[in-house]
Protein backbone atom coordinates (compact mmCIF):
# COMPACT_ATOMS: atom_id res chain seq x y z
CA MET A 1 -4.14 -18.32 -15.10
CA SER A 2 -6.19 -16.55 -12.46
CA LYS A 3 -9.55 -15.54 -13.94
CA ASP A 4 -10.12 -13.15 -11.04
CA ILE A 5 -7.22 -10.85 -11.97
CA PRO A 6 -8.25 -7.91 -14.19
CA THR A 7 -5.85 -5.38 -15.69
CA ALA A 8 -2.69 -4.97 -13.59
CA ILE A 9 -1.15 -1.55 -12.90
CA ALA A 10 2.39 -1.73 -11.51
CA MET A 11 3.67 1.26 -9.54
CA THR A 12 7.45 1.81 -9.65
CA ASP A 13 9.73 4.69 -8.77
CA ASN A 14 10.06 5.97 -12.33
CA CYS A 15 7.04 4.76 -14.30
CA LEU A 16 3.57 3.20 -14.18
CA LYS A 17 2.89 0.08 -16.23
CA LEU A 18 -0.53 -1.10 -17.37
CA VAL A 19 -0.60 -4.76 -18.43
CA ARG A 20 -3.42 -7.05 -19.50
CA ALA A 21 -2.80 -10.70 -20.46
CA ARG A 22 -4.76 -13.87 -21.12
CA TYR A 23 -4.36 -17.42 -22.40
CA VAL A 24 -4.90 -17.96 -26.14
CA ARG A 25 -4.65 -21.57 -27.33
CA GLY A 26 -2.66 -22.57 -24.29
CA GLN A 27 -0.15 -19.72 -24.50
CA GLY A 28 -0.02 -16.42 -22.65
CA GLN A 29 -0.79 -13.40 -24.79
CA LEU A 30 -0.34 -9.73 -23.98
CA THR A 31 -3.55 -7.89 -24.91
CA ALA A 32 -2.99 -4.41 -23.46
CA LEU A 33 0.16 -2.50 -22.56
CA ASP A 34 0.85 1.11 -21.67
CA VAL A 35 3.76 2.77 -19.90
CA ARG A 36 3.71 6.25 -18.35
CA HIS A 37 6.95 7.74 -17.05
CA VAL A 38 6.72 9.91 -13.93
CA ASN A 39 9.16 12.26 -12.23
CA GLY A 40 8.43 11.07 -8.68
CA ASP A 41 6.00 9.19 -6.47
CA THR A 42 3.94 12.12 -5.18
CA ASP A 43 0.19 12.30 -5.79
CA ALA A 44 0.71 15.12 -8.27
CA ASP A 45 3.12 12.91 -10.26
CA LEU A 46 1.00 9.74 -10.24
CA LEU A 47 -2.54 11.10 -10.70
CA PRO A 48 -2.21 12.28 -14.35
CA ALA A 49 -0.82 8.88 -15.39
CA LEU A 50 -3.60 7.03 -13.55
CA ARG A 51 -6.22 9.20 -15.24
CA GLU A 52 -4.75 8.26 -18.62
CA PHE A 53 -4.95 4.58 -17.62
CA ALA A 54 -8.59 5.02 -16.59
CA ARG A 55 -9.48 5.71 -20.24
CA HIS A 56 -8.30 2.27 -21.34
CA LYS A 57 -11.03 -0.15 -22.36
CA ALA A 58 -9.29 -2.86 -20.30
CA VAL A 59 -9.65 -0.75 -17.13
CA LYS A 60 -13.22 0.41 -17.78
CA GLY A 61 -14.41 -3.16 -18.27
CA GLY A 62 -13.27 -4.73 -14.99
CA GLY A 63 -11.26 -2.31 -12.91
CA ALA A 64 -7.60 -2.81 -12.03
CA TYR A 65 -5.27 -4.66 -9.68
CA LEU A 66 -2.57 -2.41 -8.19
CA VAL A 67 0.89 -3.99 -7.92
CA LEU A 68 2.87 -2.00 -5.35
CA PRO A 69 6.70 -2.06 -5.19
CA ARG A 70 8.34 -4.46 -2.74
CA HIS A 71 9.95 -1.72 -0.62
CA LEU A 72 6.52 -0.56 0.63
CA ALA A 73 5.89 -3.90 2.38
CA ILE A 74 7.46 -5.81 5.28
CA LEU A 75 8.06 -9.55 4.86
CA LYS A 76 8.83 -11.81 7.83
CA VAL A 77 9.40 -15.58 7.91
CA ILE A 78 8.06 -17.05 11.17
CA ARG A 79 7.58 -20.58 12.52
CA LEU A 80 4.24 -21.23 14.25
CA PRO A 81 3.09 -24.21 16.38
CA SER A 82 0.02 -25.10 14.30
CA GLN A 83 -0.97 -26.44 10.90
CA GLU A 84 -4.57 -25.19 10.78
CA GLU A 85 -5.11 -22.21 8.46
CA ARG A 86 -7.35 -20.19 10.78
CA GLU A 87 -5.06 -20.67 13.78
CA LEU A 88 -2.01 -19.73 11.71
CA ARG A 89 -3.61 -16.43 10.74
CA GLN A 90 -4.55 -15.67 14.35
CA MET A 91 -1.03 -16.48 15.57
CA ALA A 92 0.55 -14.41 12.81
CA GLU A 93 -1.69 -11.47 13.71
CA ILE A 94 -0.38 -11.59 17.27
CA GLN A 95 3.19 -11.51 15.91
CA ILE A 96 2.67 -8.28 13.96
CA SER A 97 3.40 -5.90 16.83
CA SER A 98 6.61 -7.74 17.76
CA GLN A 99 7.86 -8.42 14.22
CA THR A 100 7.09 -4.94 12.82
CA PRO A 101 6.99 -1.36 14.18
CA TYR A 102 3.19 -1.32 13.76
CA THR A 103 0.12 -2.55 15.59
CA THR A 104 -2.46 -4.80 13.95
CA ASP A 105 -4.86 -1.87 13.52
CA GLU A 106 -2.24 0.07 11.57
CA VAL A 107 -1.58 -2.48 8.82
CA GLU A 108 -3.07 -4.68 6.15
CA TYR A 109 -1.57 -8.17 6.20
CA ASP A 110 -1.74 -11.65 4.78
CA VAL A 111 -0.14 -15.01 5.56
CA GLN A 112 1.33 -17.44 3.02
CA VAL A 113 2.27 -20.99 4.05
CA ILE A 114 5.84 -21.95 3.11
CA SER A 115 6.12 -25.47 4.56
CA ARG A 116 4.86 -27.81 7.28
CA ASP A 117 7.00 -30.23 9.31
CA GLU A 118 6.34 -33.49 11.14
CA GLU A 119 6.57 -31.80 14.55
CA GLY A 120 3.33 -29.92 13.90
CA TYR A 121 4.98 -26.57 13.11
CA THR A 122 4.34 -24.45 10.03
CA LYS A 123 6.71 -21.96 8.46
CA VAL A 124 4.78 -18.99 7.07
CA LEU A 125 5.54 -15.75 5.28
CA LEU A 126 3.92 -12.74 6.97
CA ILE A 127 3.27 -9.92 4.48
CA VAL A 128 2.52 -6.55 6.08
CA ILE A 129 1.87 -3.14 4.53
CA PRO A 130 0.88 0.03 6.46
CA LYS A 131 -2.73 1.13 6.05
CA ASP A 132 -1.71 4.69 5.24
CA VAL A 133 0.02 3.31 2.12
CA THR A 134 -2.99 1.33 0.88
CA GLU A 135 -5.41 4.13 1.74
CA ARG A 136 -3.28 6.60 -0.21
CA PHE A 137 -3.41 4.50 -3.37
CA ILE A 138 -7.12 3.83 -2.88
CA GLU A 139 -7.72 7.58 -2.77
CA LEU A 140 -5.59 8.10 -5.89
CA ALA A 141 -7.56 5.41 -7.74
CA GLU A 142 -10.85 7.03 -6.72
CA GLN A 143 -9.66 10.42 -7.97
CA ALA A 144 -8.62 8.82 -11.26
CA ARG A 145 -12.00 6.98 -11.46
CA ILE A 146 -10.40 3.53 -11.43
CA ALA A 147 -12.36 0.74 -9.74
CA LEU A 148 -9.86 -1.26 -7.68
CA ALA A 149 -10.22 -5.04 -7.63
CA GLY A 150 -7.23 -5.60 -5.37
CA ILE A 151 -3.85 -4.47 -4.08
CA THR A 152 -0.81 -6.74 -3.97
CA ILE A 153 3.01 -6.48 -4.04
CA SER A 154 5.44 -7.07 -6.89
CA SER A 155 6.89 -10.22 -5.28
CA ILE A 156 3.59 -12.04 -5.88
CA GLY A 157 3.74 -11.05 -9.55
CA LEU A 158 7.29 -12.42 -9.85
CA LEU A 159 6.12 -15.70 -8.30
CA GLY A 160 3.28 -15.91 -10.84
CA TRP A 161 5.70 -15.22 -13.69
CA LEU A 162 7.99 -18.05 -12.53
CA ARG A 163 4.99 -20.38 -12.26
CA TYR A 164 4.09 -19.63 -15.88
CA GLN A 165 7.66 -20.12 -17.14
CA ALA A 166 7.96 -23.40 -15.21
CA GLY A 167 4.78 -24.60 -16.90
CA ARG A 168 6.34 -23.74 -20.25
CA THR A 169 9.51 -25.71 -19.20
CA ARG A 170 11.61 -22.57 -19.64
CA VAL A 171 12.67 -22.62 -15.98
CA GLU A 172 13.28 -25.67 -13.79
CA ALA A 173 11.48 -24.78 -10.54
CA LYS A 174 11.42 -28.05 -8.58
CA SER A 175 14.49 -27.13 -6.49
CA PRO A 176 14.96 -23.88 -4.48
CA LEU A 177 16.09 -20.99 -6.67
CA ALA A 178 16.60 -17.24 -6.58
CA LEU A 179 14.84 -14.95 -9.06
CA CYS A 180 16.33 -11.51 -9.75
CA ASN A 181 14.13 -8.98 -11.57
CA ILE A 182 16.22 -6.01 -12.78
CA ASP A 183 14.22 -2.86 -13.54
CA LEU A 184 15.52 0.51 -14.65
CA ASN A 185 16.22 1.92 -11.16
CA HIS A 186 15.84 -1.00 -8.77
CA THR A 187 16.19 -4.77 -8.48
CA GLU A 188 14.01 -7.27 -6.62
CA ILE A 189 15.42 -10.61 -5.46
CA CYS A 190 12.97 -13.43 -4.64
CA PHE A 191 13.72 -16.81 -3.08
CA ILE A 192 11.30 -19.52 -4.23
CA GLU A 193 10.90 -23.17 -3.28
CA ASN A 194 8.19 -25.56 -4.52
CA LYS A 195 6.64 -22.59 -6.39
CA ARG A 196 6.13 -20.80 -3.05
CA LEU A 197 7.56 -17.42 -2.14
CA ILE A 198 9.95 -17.75 0.80
CA PHE A 199 11.35 -14.24 0.99
CA SER A 200 12.12 -11.21 -1.19
CA ARG A 201 14.30 -8.14 -0.98
CA ASN A 202 14.41 -4.82 -2.85
CA VAL A 203 17.76 -3.29 -3.86
CA ASN A 204 18.12 0.31 -5.04
CA VAL A 205 20.44 -0.67 -7.87
CA GLY A 206 18.98 -1.02 -11.35
CA LEU A 207 19.84 -1.44 -14.99
CA SER A 208 21.29 2.06 -15.27
CA GLU A 209 23.96 1.24 -12.64
CA LEU A 210 24.46 -2.28 -14.01
CA ARG A 211 25.49 -0.96 -17.41
CA SER A 212 28.32 1.10 -15.90
CA SER A 213 29.40 -1.02 -12.93
CA PRO A 214 27.87 -4.43 -12.10
CA ASP A 215 29.94 -4.94 -8.94
CA GLU A 216 27.47 -3.25 -6.58
CA LEU A 217 24.52 -5.35 -7.78
CA ILE A 218 26.58 -8.55 -7.58
CA GLN A 219 27.54 -7.63 -4.01
CA GLN A 220 23.90 -7.00 -3.04
CA ILE A 221 22.87 -10.33 -4.58
CA ALA A 222 25.59 -12.14 -2.64
CA LEU A 223 24.49 -10.45 0.62
CA SER A 224 20.87 -11.45 0.00
CA ILE A 225 21.85 -15.09 -0.56
CA LYS A 226 24.03 -15.01 2.55
CA TYR A 227 21.07 -13.75 4.61
CA TYR A 228 18.81 -16.46 3.11
CA GLU A 229 21.32 -19.15 4.07
CA SER A 230 22.12 -17.76 7.53
CA GLU A 231 18.42 -17.62 8.48
CA LYS A 232 17.88 -21.14 7.07
CA MET A 233 14.82 -19.98 5.16
CA GLY A 234 14.91 -22.87 2.68
CA GLY A 235 17.01 -25.52 1.03
CA PRO A 236 20.27 -24.96 -0.89
CA LEU A 237 19.78 -22.84 -4.00
CA SER A 238 20.09 -24.80 -7.24
CA ARG A 239 20.23 -21.89 -9.69
CA PHE A 240 19.97 -18.12 -10.08
CA VAL A 241 17.57 -16.67 -12.68
CA VAL A 242 18.00 -13.09 -13.92
CA VAL A 243 15.01 -11.38 -15.56
CA SER A 244 15.57 -8.15 -17.46
CA GLY A 245 14.35 -6.31 -20.52
CA GLN A 246 18.02 -5.87 -21.45
CA ARG A 247 19.02 -8.98 -23.39
CA ASP A 248 22.81 -8.55 -23.73
CA LEU A 249 23.72 -9.62 -20.18
CA GLN A 250 26.16 -12.43 -21.00
CA GLU A 251 29.11 -10.65 -19.38
CA PHE A 252 27.13 -9.93 -16.21
CA ILE A 253 25.84 -13.52 -16.05
CA GLY A 254 29.42 -14.78 -16.34
CA GLN A 255 30.61 -12.55 -13.49
CA LEU A 256 27.62 -13.59 -11.39
CA GLU A 257 28.29 -17.29 -11.93
CA GLY A 258 31.89 -16.82 -10.89
CA GLN A 259 30.88 -14.99 -7.71
CA LEU A 260 27.99 -17.27 -6.65
CA GLN A 261 29.46 -20.58 -7.81
CA MET A 262 26.08 -21.78 -9.09
CA PRO A 263 24.34 -21.96 -12.49
CA CYS A 264 22.97 -18.58 -13.62
CA GLU A 265 20.72 -17.85 -16.57
CA SER A 266 19.02 -14.82 -18.12
CA ILE A 267 15.41 -14.72 -19.35
CA ALA A 268 13.43 -11.84 -20.84
CA PRO A 269 10.13 -10.94 -19.08
CA THR A 270 8.11 -11.67 -22.23
CA ASP A 271 9.75 -15.00 -23.13
CA GLY A 272 7.03 -17.53 -23.94
CA VAL A 273 4.38 -14.77 -24.18
CA ASN A 274 2.80 -13.85 -27.51
CA LEU A 275 3.25 -10.12 -28.23
CA PRO A 276 0.99 -8.42 -30.80
CA ARG A 277 3.02 -6.49 -33.33
CA HIS A 278 1.57 -3.08 -32.48
CA LEU A 279 2.47 -3.48 -28.79
CA ARG A 280 5.97 -4.71 -29.60
CA GLN A 281 6.68 -1.81 -31.92
CA THR A 282 5.04 1.05 -30.03
CA VAL A 283 6.17 0.18 -26.49
CA LEU A 284 8.74 -2.57 -26.02
CA GLU A 285 11.14 -1.46 -28.74
CA GLU A 286 11.04 2.12 -27.47
CA GLU A 287 11.43 1.17 -23.79
CA SER A 288 14.88 -0.42 -23.71
CA GLY A 289 15.37 -2.34 -20.48
CA LEU A 290 11.71 -2.17 -19.44
CA THR A 291 10.61 -5.16 -17.37
CA LEU A 292 6.97 -6.28 -17.20
CA THR A 293 7.64 -9.28 -14.99
CA ALA A 294 5.51 -8.34 -11.95
CA PRO A 295 2.32 -7.04 -13.66
CA LEU A 296 2.51 -9.79 -16.28
CA GLY A 297 3.02 -12.50 -13.66
CA ILE A 298 -0.07 -11.42 -11.69
CA HIS A 299 -2.22 -12.72 -14.58
CA PHE A 300 -0.53 -16.14 -14.47
CA ALA A 301 -0.42 -16.51 -10.68
CA ASP A 302 -2.16 -19.21 -8.68
CA ARG A 303 -5.34 -17.60 -7.32
CA LYS A 304 -4.62 -18.99 -3.84
CA GLN A 305 -1.18 -17.35 -3.83
CA VAL A 306 -2.36 -13.88 -4.86
CA VAL A 307 -2.21 -11.64 -1.79
CA ASN A 308 -5.00 -9.05 -1.70
CA LEU A 309 -4.37 -6.24 0.80
CA LEU A 310 -7.44 -4.23 -0.16
CA SER A 311 -10.49 -5.46 1.78
CA SER A 312 -10.45 -3.67 5.13
CA SER A 313 -9.09 -0.46 3.61
CA ILE A 314 -11.96 -0.38 1.13
CA ARG A 315 -14.47 -0.76 3.96
CA ALA A 316 -12.90 2.15 5.81
CA SER A 317 -12.96 4.23 2.65
CA LYS A 318 -16.66 3.53 2.09
CA GLN A 319 -17.45 4.44 5.69
CA ASN A 320 -15.68 7.77 5.19
CA LYS A 321 -17.78 8.41 2.10
CA VAL A 322 -21.00 7.71 4.00
CA LEU A 323 -19.93 10.06 6.80
CA LYS A 324 -19.14 12.82 4.29
CA ARG A 325 -22.56 12.42 2.66
CA GLU A 326 -24.30 12.64 6.04
CA LEU A 327 -22.38 15.80 6.93
CA ILE A 328 -23.37 17.37 3.63
CA LYS A 329 -27.02 16.49 4.25
CA LEU A 330 -26.90 18.07 7.69
CA PHE A 331 -25.32 21.21 6.28
CA VAL A 332 -28.02 21.50 3.60
CA CYS A 333 -30.75 21.01 6.21
CA GLY A 334 -29.24 23.77 8.31
CA MET A 335 -29.16 26.16 5.37
CA LEU A 336 -32.79 25.34 4.53
CA LEU A 337 -33.80 25.97 8.12
CA TYR A 338 -31.96 29.28 8.19
CA ALA A 339 -33.55 30.36 4.89
CA THR A 340 -37.02 29.42 6.10
CA ALA A 341 -36.64 31.32 9.39
CA LEU A 342 -35.29 34.38 7.59
CA PHE A 343 -38.17 34.30 5.14
CA VAL A 344 -40.80 34.17 7.92
CA TRP A 345 -39.08 36.92 9.91
CA SER A 346 -38.81 39.27 6.92
CA ILE A 347 -42.47 38.80 5.99
CA ARG A 348 -43.67 39.54 9.53
CA LEU A 349 -41.72 42.82 9.63
CA SER A 350 -42.62 44.05 6.16
CA GLU A 351 -46.33 43.29 6.06
CA LYS A 352 -48.70 46.03 7.07
CA GLU A 353 -51.57 45.71 9.48
CA LYS A 354 -54.01 44.95 6.67
CA GLN A 355 -51.89 42.00 5.63
CA VAL A 356 -51.61 40.45 9.10
CA GLU A 357 -54.48 38.07 8.53
CA ARG A 358 -53.08 37.04 5.19
CA LEU A 359 -49.69 36.57 6.83
CA ARG A 360 -51.17 34.35 9.52
CA SER A 361 -52.80 32.26 6.84
CA ALA A 362 -49.51 31.98 4.98
CA VAL A 363 -47.68 31.04 8.18
CA SER A 364 -50.27 28.39 8.95
CA GLU A 365 -49.59 26.93 5.52
CA LEU A 366 -45.91 26.89 6.39
CA ASP A 367 -46.46 25.09 9.70
CA PRO A 368 -45.67 21.62 8.30
CA GLN A 369 -42.46 22.99 6.80
CA ILE A 370 -41.59 24.70 10.09
CA ASP A 371 -42.18 21.44 11.96
CA GLU A 372 -39.88 19.70 9.50
CA ALA A 373 -37.33 22.49 9.93
CA LYS A 374 -37.55 22.12 13.73
CA ARG A 375 -36.96 18.41 13.36
CA LYS A 376 -33.88 19.11 11.29
CA MET A 377 -32.77 21.69 13.88
CA ARG A 378 -32.95 19.02 16.56
CA LEU A 379 -30.78 16.83 14.37
CA ILE A 380 -28.27 19.66 14.07
CA GLU A 381 -28.31 20.25 17.84
CA TYR A 382 -27.75 16.55 18.39
CA PHE A 383 -24.86 16.62 15.93
CA ASP A 384 -23.40 19.67 17.72
CA GLN A 385 -23.52 17.81 21.04
CA TYR A 386 -22.03 14.75 19.38
CA VAL A 387 -18.94 16.57 18.10
CA ASP A 388 -18.52 18.73 21.24
CA GLY A 389 -15.30 17.90 23.01
CA ARG A 390 -13.81 16.01 20.09
CA ILE A 391 -10.14 16.40 19.27
CA PHE A 392 -9.33 18.88 16.47
CA VAL A 393 -6.76 17.02 14.38
CA PRO A 394 -5.32 20.08 12.50
CA GLU A 395 -4.54 21.71 15.87
CA VAL A 396 -2.72 18.56 17.05
CA MET A 397 -0.77 18.30 13.79
CA GLY A 398 0.19 21.96 13.87
CA GLN A 399 1.46 21.75 17.43
CA LEU A 400 3.34 18.52 16.70
CA ALA A 401 5.06 20.12 13.71
CA LYS A 402 6.47 22.81 16.04
CA LEU A 403 7.93 20.19 18.38
CA VAL A 404 9.69 17.89 15.89
CA PRO A 405 13.49 18.56 15.78
CA GLU A 406 15.31 18.65 12.47
CA ASP A 407 16.91 15.19 12.86
CA ILE A 408 13.58 13.47 13.53
CA SER A 409 11.57 11.80 10.76
CA LEU A 410 8.00 10.66 11.42
CA ASN A 411 6.65 7.50 9.74
CA SER A 412 3.26 7.02 11.37
CA LEU A 413 0.72 8.97 13.45
CA TYR A 414 -2.31 7.19 14.90
CA LEU A 415 -5.13 8.34 17.21
CA ASN A 416 -7.39 5.63 18.65
CA GLU A 417 -10.83 5.85 20.22
CA ARG A 418 -9.30 6.13 23.73
CA CYS A 419 -7.60 9.43 22.83
CA VAL A 420 -4.20 7.72 22.80
CA PHE A 421 -1.95 9.35 20.20
CA THR A 422 0.85 7.15 18.78
CA ILE A 423 3.92 8.72 17.14
CA GLN A 424 6.39 6.52 15.24
CA GLY A 425 9.52 7.41 13.29
CA TYR A 426 13.27 7.41 13.49
CA ALA A 427 15.98 9.75 14.80
CA GLN A 428 19.35 10.34 13.21
CA THR A 429 20.91 11.10 16.60
CA ARG A 430 20.16 10.06 20.16
CA GLU A 431 20.28 13.73 21.22
CA ALA A 432 17.49 14.56 18.78
CA LEU A 433 15.35 11.75 20.24
CA ASN A 434 15.92 13.01 23.81
CA ASP A 435 15.15 16.57 22.73
CA PHE A 436 11.93 15.43 21.06
CA GLN A 437 10.88 13.51 24.17
CA ALA A 438 11.54 16.54 26.38
CA ARG A 439 9.47 18.76 24.11
CA LEU A 440 6.56 16.34 24.16
CA VAL A 441 6.68 16.10 27.96
CA ASN A 442 6.70 19.90 28.34
CA GLU A 443 3.82 20.41 25.89
CA PRO A 444 0.48 20.67 27.81
CA MET A 445 -1.45 19.20 24.88
CA PHE A 446 0.31 15.83 25.26
CA ARG A 447 -0.29 14.07 28.58
CA LYS A 448 1.23 10.88 29.93
CA VAL A 449 4.00 10.86 27.32
CA ASN A 450 5.63 7.44 27.21
CA LEU A 451 8.52 6.14 25.08
CA GLU A 452 7.37 2.63 24.09
CA PHE A 453 10.62 1.63 22.42
CA ALA A 454 13.81 3.04 20.88
CA THR A 455 15.72 0.58 18.70
CA SER A 456 18.92 1.30 16.82
CA ARG A 457 19.38 0.06 13.26
CA ARG A 458 21.53 0.88 10.29
CA ILE A 459 20.33 2.23 6.96
CA PHE A 460 23.26 1.74 4.63
CA THR A 461 26.02 3.81 6.36
CA MET A 462 23.73 5.79 8.64
CA GLN A 463 22.86 4.68 12.19
CA VAL A 464 19.32 5.62 13.15
CA THR A 465 17.03 4.94 16.10
CA ASP A 466 13.46 3.76 15.50
CA PHE A 467 11.10 5.00 18.20
CA LYS A 468 7.49 4.92 19.27
CA PHE A 469 5.86 7.44 21.65
CA THR A 470 2.36 7.31 23.08
CA ALA A 471 0.54 10.21 24.69
CA SER A 472 -2.98 10.98 25.83
CA LEU A 473 -4.82 13.91 24.25
CA CYS A 474 -7.64 13.83 26.83
CA ASP A 475 -7.71 14.68 30.54
CA GLU A 476 -8.67 11.05 31.18
CA GLU A 477 -8.68 8.10 28.81
CA ALA A 478 -12.10 6.86 27.80
CA PRO A 479 -13.21 3.77 29.73
């Protein structure tokens, strides 16, 4: 069990789950559990639940580890010509821009080794998540007054859960296997070999659809296995493990075995874990079908396998805080300077001739304060020169909003220090993409508009085109 993992908070599309576990006499024990249902994934939906979690003793004592849903991350299996850890990370970093629609500066990432071969190559799993996603959850945690210890994805929690069950001999994990975690509204399928995560996939079919018609989930499972085999990600699968809070899945397991032609078994998320009576009665019995696999597994994961996507985002957040504090200090200094000048001016006008000498004496006493105020004024003048000519982001965003056609969806906006503005998203029609490009070219604010790429892909039955534009917001790019 990883001693570095505090309370885990799992974010899903319909609820937030707070889980705390530990080993007691060699067996895992659940020590804290809370579930908060939400109506959506907006900040307004999530913040009240997070504030309730912040009151827990388990969170106050050591912070929390956020477990984000799989669909927020990008996972890529790549083969690299090295076996040295530092070189593998450098090579994987270079691959980010070609394997994902993001640049290295736009993402948090980590690399997990899958296997090494005799030819000197290493197969690794590249885990990428956009910075705007991590920064959003960092901001939510700060508003809720939760100290974050880390951010990871649900696939790592499922791997930790399997590791625990294998240690309890409840699951045979020596051969490659597939692990299917069925939640209320979605399902995550993980492929694992030698207790290492090879790949995972999120499917928008959950327990609610499974109860009425299991065919769609079985089809998605079969497609995932077909992709695993076609890409030769690992060895032949020996078994298929289904994890769900719903225990009466015998009929579904039978249908799945017939379709996959391999042994299938069903295990509850809390099998082999000691549950205190009050938690079992107040939460688990009321939440039929609830799965705690990912947040529970984080506590039992191998520390070396726990992906933490927090570090650089936290540094950026702290820098923003420092900048805000400095701006507030400058504003206060300016107000003090203004108040001091107004005070001196009003006294000089209101005092009579008999009070001139007294006024001069008073002003002489104020000289040190005036010198200090002048010093602060110079700071303000320097700050004014510093921000002069900077780009006003709200103006750019407002103008961009007028240019975006209806069939265009934007995923990412990024402005670098060279005044290069990057726009990424997808278009439902090619005509909408051409129209958007024409509008950008004709807009004086955007100079040197360039279409970096436009790639077609299919989202279920809809054909869309991913695109990336770059444009300069300055007359000349900074050297």
